[in-house]
PDB file of N, CA and C in Angstrom:
ATOM      1  N   UNK A   1      -4.405  27.274 -19.084  1.00  0.00           N
ATOM      2  CA  UNK A   1      -3.038  27.289 -18.563  1.00  0.00           C
ATOM      3  C   UNK A   1      -3.066  27.714 -17.092  1.00  0.00           C
ATOM      4  N   UNK A   2      -4.046  28.529 -16.667  1.00  0.00           N
ATOM      5  CA  UNK A   2      -4.105  28.997 -15.340  1.00  0.00           C
ATOM      6  C   UNK A   2      -4.396  27.799 -14.354  1.00  0.00           C
ATOM      7  N   UNK A   3      -5.171  26.835 -14.871  1.00  0.00           N
ATOM      8  CA  UNK A   3      -5.560  25.701 -13.974  1.00  0.00           C
ATOM      9  C   UNK A   3      -4.401  24.869 -13.516  1.00  0.00           C
ATOM     10  N   UNK A   4      -3.302  24.918 -14.378  1.00  0.00           N
ATOM     11  CA  UNK A   4      -2.084  24.153 -14.039  1.00  0.00           C
ATOM     12  C   UNK A   4      -1.409  24.757 -12.738  1.00  0.00           C
ATOM     13  N   UNK A   5      -1.521  26.013 -12.541  1.00  0.00           N
ATOM     14  CA  UNK A   5      -1.003  26.592 -11.279  1.00  0.00           C
ATOM     15  C   UNK A   5      -1.643  26.101 -10.088  1.00  0.00           C
ATOM     16  N   UNK A   6      -2.931  25.602 -10.220  1.00  0.00           N
ATOM     17  CA  UNK A   6      -3.650  25.084  -9.055  1.00  0.00           C
ATOM     18  C   UNK A   6      -3.414  23.534  -9.024  1.00  0.00           C
ATOM     19  N   UNK A   7      -3.453  22.848 -10.181  1.00  0.00           N
ATOM     20  CA  UNK A   7      -3.467  21.409 -10.156  1.00  0.00           C
ATOM     21  C   UNK A   7      -2.069  20.797  -9.837  1.00  0.00           C
ATOM     22  N   UNK A   8      -1.023  21.434 -10.328  1.00  0.00           N
ATOM     23  CA  UNK A   8       0.308  20.925 -10.021  1.00  0.00           C
ATOM     24  C   UNK A   8       0.680  20.962  -8.556  1.00  0.00           C
ATOM     25  N   UNK A   9       0.476  22.081  -7.816  1.00  0.00           N
ATOM     26  CA  UNK A   9       0.771  22.089  -6.429  1.00  0.00           C
ATOM     27  C   UNK A   9      -0.224  21.134  -5.694  1.00  0.00           C
ATOM     28  N   UNK A  10      -1.446  21.095  -6.082  1.00  0.00           N
ATOM     29  CA  UNK A  10      -2.413  20.228  -5.426  1.00  0.00           C
ATOM     30  C   UNK A  10      -1.949  18.771  -5.577  1.00  0.00           C
ATOM     31  N   UNK A  11      -1.428  18.373  -6.740  1.00  0.00           N
ATOM     32  CA  UNK A  11      -0.939  17.033  -6.956  1.00  0.00           C
ATOM     33  C   UNK A  11       0.259  16.651  -6.115  1.00  0.00           C
ATOM     34  N   UNK A  12       1.097  17.668  -5.952  1.00  0.00           N
ATOM     35  CA  UNK A  12       2.352  17.523  -5.168  1.00  0.00           C
ATOM     36  C   UNK A  12       1.902  17.243  -3.731  1.00  0.00           C
ATOM     37  N   UNK A  13       0.960  18.037  -3.131  1.00  0.00           N
ATOM     38  CA  UNK A  13       0.505  17.955  -1.825  1.00  0.00           C
ATOM     39  C   UNK A  13      -0.193  16.566  -1.634  1.00  0.00           C
ATOM     40  N   UNK A  14      -0.975  16.116  -2.602  1.00  0.00           N
ATOM     41  CA  UNK A  14      -1.557  14.866  -2.484  1.00  0.00           C
ATOM     42  C   UNK A  14      -0.572  13.756  -2.441  1.00  0.00           C
ATOM     43  N   UNK A  15       0.494  13.818  -3.242  1.00  0.00           N
ATOM     44  CA  UNK A  15       1.561  12.754  -3.238  1.00  0.00           C
ATOM     45  C   UNK A  15       2.212  12.716  -1.984  1.00  0.00           C
ATOM     46  N   UNK A  16       2.546  13.920  -1.345  1.00  0.00           N
ATOM     47  CA  UNK A  16       3.209  13.926  -0.071  1.00  0.00           C
ATOM     48  C   UNK A  16       2.264  13.434   1.034  1.00  0.00           C
ATOM     49  N   UNK A  17       0.964  13.620   0.938  1.00  0.00           N
ATOM     50  CA  UNK A  17       0.071  13.038   1.939  1.00  0.00           C
ATOM     51  C   UNK A  17       0.031  11.549   1.854  1.00  0.00           C
ATOM     52  N   UNK A  18      -0.049  10.972   0.564  1.00  0.00           N
ATOM     53  CA  UNK A  18      -0.149   9.551   0.432  1.00  0.00           C
ATOM     54  C   UNK A  18       1.195   8.901   0.893  1.00  0.00           C
ATOM     55  N   UNK A  19       2.280   9.467   0.619  1.00  0.00           N
ATOM     56  CA  UNK A  19       3.638   8.918   1.086  1.00  0.00           C
ATOM     57  C   UNK A  19       3.642   8.952   2.607  1.00  0.00           C
ATOM     58  N   UNK A  20       3.167   9.999   3.235  1.00  0.00           N
ATOM     59  CA  UNK A  20       3.301  10.206   4.654  1.00  0.00           C
ATOM     60  C   UNK A  20       2.340   9.082   5.285  1.00  0.00           C
ATOM     61  N   UNK A  21       1.177   8.851   4.743  1.00  0.00           N
ATOM     62  CA  UNK A  21       0.289   7.886   5.330  1.00  0.00           C
ATOM     63  C   UNK A  21       0.899   6.517   5.174  1.00  0.00           C
ATOM     64  N   UNK A  22       1.499   6.151   4.047  1.00  0.00           N
ATOM     65  CA  UNK A  22       2.099   4.883   3.825  1.00  0.00           C
ATOM     66  C   UNK A  22       3.287   4.661   4.811  1.00  0.00           C
ATOM     67  N   UNK A  23       4.129   5.769   4.928  1.00  0.00           N
ATOM     68  CA  UNK A  23       5.201   5.676   5.900  1.00  0.00           C
ATOM     69  C   UNK A  23       4.784   5.495   7.359  1.00  0.00           C
ATOM     70  N   UNK A  24       3.613   6.197   7.742  1.00  0.00           N
ATOM     71  CA  UNK A  24       3.142   5.950   9.089  1.00  0.00           C
ATOM     72  C   UNK A  24       2.600   4.507   9.276  1.00  0.00           C
ATOM     73  N   UNK A  25       1.995   3.973   8.242  1.00  0.00           N
ATOM     74  CA  UNK A  25       1.344   2.737   8.448  1.00  0.00           C
ATOM     75  C   UNK A  25       2.482   1.576   8.508  1.00  0.00           C
ATOM     76  N   UNK A  26       3.552   1.790   7.769  1.00  0.00           N
ATOM     77  CA  UNK A  26       4.705   0.813   7.771  1.00  0.00           C
ATOM     78  C   UNK A  26       5.361   0.938   9.091  1.00  0.00           C
ATOM     79  N   UNK A  27       5.649   2.183   9.553  1.00  0.00           N
ATOM     80  CA  UNK A  27       6.357   2.340  10.816  1.00  0.00           C
ATOM     81  C   UNK A  27       5.500   1.955  12.079  1.00  0.00           C
ATOM     82  N   UNK A  28       4.301   1.983  12.011  1.00  0.00           N
ATOM     83  CA  UNK A  28       3.401   1.648  13.095  1.00  0.00           C
ATOM     84  C   UNK A  28       3.129   0.170  13.113  1.00  0.00           C
ATOM     85  N   UNK A  29       3.583  -0.583  12.161  1.00  0.00           N
ATOM     86  CA  UNK A  29       3.438  -2.052  12.212  1.00  0.00           C
ATOM     87  C   UNK A  29       2.216  -2.555  11.563  1.00  0.00           C
ATOM     88  N   UNK A  30       1.555  -1.837  10.730  1.00  0.00           N
ATOM     89  CA  UNK A  30       0.341  -2.250  10.087  1.00  0.00           C
ATOM     90  C   UNK A  30       0.555  -3.492   9.152  1.00  0.00           C
ATOM     91  N   UNK A  31       1.814  -3.619   8.602  1.00  0.00           N
ATOM     92  CA  UNK A  31       2.041  -4.643   7.652  1.00  0.00           C
ATOM     93  C   UNK A  31       2.853  -5.880   8.326  1.00  0.00           C
ATOM     94  N   UNK A  32       2.990  -5.813   9.613  1.00  0.00           N
ATOM     95  CA  UNK A  32       3.656  -6.962  10.279  1.00  0.00           C
ATOM     96  C   UNK A  32       2.783  -8.139  10.375  1.00  0.00           C
ATOM     97  N   UNK A  33       3.260  -9.307  10.180  1.00  0.00           N
ATOM     98  CA  UNK A  33       2.582 -10.581  10.262  1.00  0.00           C
ATOM     99  C   UNK A  33       1.328 -10.658   9.471  1.00  0.00           C
ATOM    100  N   UNK A  34       1.424 -10.278   8.159  1.00  0.00           N
ATOM    101  CA  UNK A  34       0.190 -10.263   7.360  1.00  0.00           C
ATOM    102  C   UNK A  34      -0.222 -11.744   7.063  1.00  0.00           C
ATOM    103  N   UNK A  35       0.704 -12.728   6.967  1.00  0.00           N
ATOM    104  CA  UNK A  35       0.386 -13.982   6.737  1.00  0.00           C
ATOM    105  C   UNK A  35      -0.411 -14.675   7.815  1.00  0.00           C
ATOM    106  N   UNK A  36      -0.178 -14.277   9.031  1.00  0.00           N
ATOM    107  CA  UNK A  36      -0.825 -14.868  10.248  1.00  0.00           C
ATOM    108  C   UNK A  36      -2.342 -14.726  10.070  1.00  0.00           C
ATOM    109  N   UNK A  37      -2.895 -13.641   9.658  1.00  0.00           N
ATOM    110  CA  UNK A  37      -4.316 -13.406   9.541  1.00  0.00           C
ATOM    111  C   UNK A  37      -4.874 -14.133   8.479  1.00  0.00           C
ATOM    112  N   UNK A  38      -4.121 -14.299   7.329  1.00  0.00           N
ATOM    113  CA  UNK A  38      -4.580 -15.140   6.231  1.00  0.00           C
ATOM    114  C   UNK A  38      -4.746 -16.595   6.648  1.00  0.00           C
ATOM    115  N   UNK A  39      -3.799 -17.072   7.349  1.00  0.00           N
ATOM    116  CA  UNK A  39      -3.796 -18.506   7.794  1.00  0.00           C
ATOM    117  C   UNK A  39      -4.946 -18.655   8.853  1.00  0.00           C
ATOM    118  N   UNK A  40      -5.201 -17.709   9.628  1.00  0.00           N
ATOM    119  CA  UNK A  40      -6.272 -17.833  10.628  1.00  0.00           C
ATOM    120  C   UNK A  40      -7.604 -17.896   9.914  1.00  0.00           C
ATOM    121  N   UNK A  41      -7.799 -17.152   8.859  1.00  0.00           N
ATOM    122  CA  UNK A  41      -9.056 -17.226   8.173  1.00  0.00           C
ATOM    123  C   UNK A  41      -9.256 -18.549   7.474  1.00  0.00           C
ATOM    124  N   UNK A  42      -8.117 -19.078   6.878  1.00  0.00           N
ATOM    125  CA  UNK A  42      -8.219 -20.424   6.228  1.00  0.00           C
ATOM    126  C   UNK A  42      -8.479 -21.568   7.299  1.00  0.00           C
ATOM    127  N   UNK A  43      -7.782 -21.391   8.437  1.00  0.00           N
ATOM    128  CA  UNK A  43      -7.937 -22.451   9.467  1.00  0.00           C
ATOM    129  C   UNK A  43      -9.434 -22.439  10.030  1.00  0.00           C
ATOM    130  N   UNK A  44      -9.928 -21.244  10.141  1.00  0.00           N
ATOM    131  CA  UNK A  44     -11.312 -21.175  10.715  1.00  0.00           C
ATOM    132  C   UNK A  44     -12.304 -21.697   9.723  1.00  0.00           C
ATOM    133  N   UNK A  45     -12.119 -21.623   8.496  1.00  0.00           N
ATOM    134  CA  UNK A  45     -12.973 -22.159   7.428  1.00  0.00           C
ATOM    135  C   UNK A  45     -13.006 -23.614   7.460  1.00  0.00           C
ATOM    136  N   UNK A  46     -11.902 -24.265   7.748  1.00  0.00           N
ATOM    137  CA  UNK A  46     -11.750 -25.755   7.693  1.00  0.00           C
ATOM    138  C   UNK A  46     -12.139 -26.429   9.003  1.00  0.00           C
ATOM    139  N   UNK A  47     -12.335 -25.658  10.020  1.00  0.00           N
ATOM    140  CA  UNK A  47     -12.684 -26.334  11.304  1.00  0.00           C
ATOM    141  C   UNK A  47     -14.098 -26.692  11.409  1.00  0.00           C
TER     142      UNK A  47
END
């Protein structure tokens, strides 16, 4: 039972960290124009 006092806060901190990294990547434009790079890879393979 004592381990829950460690694991639950650790899990909450980990969730906040993951959400913060995801928010940072979305706001910094990491997911903009994702189709462009896929098309470039396909076009390079056919040339």
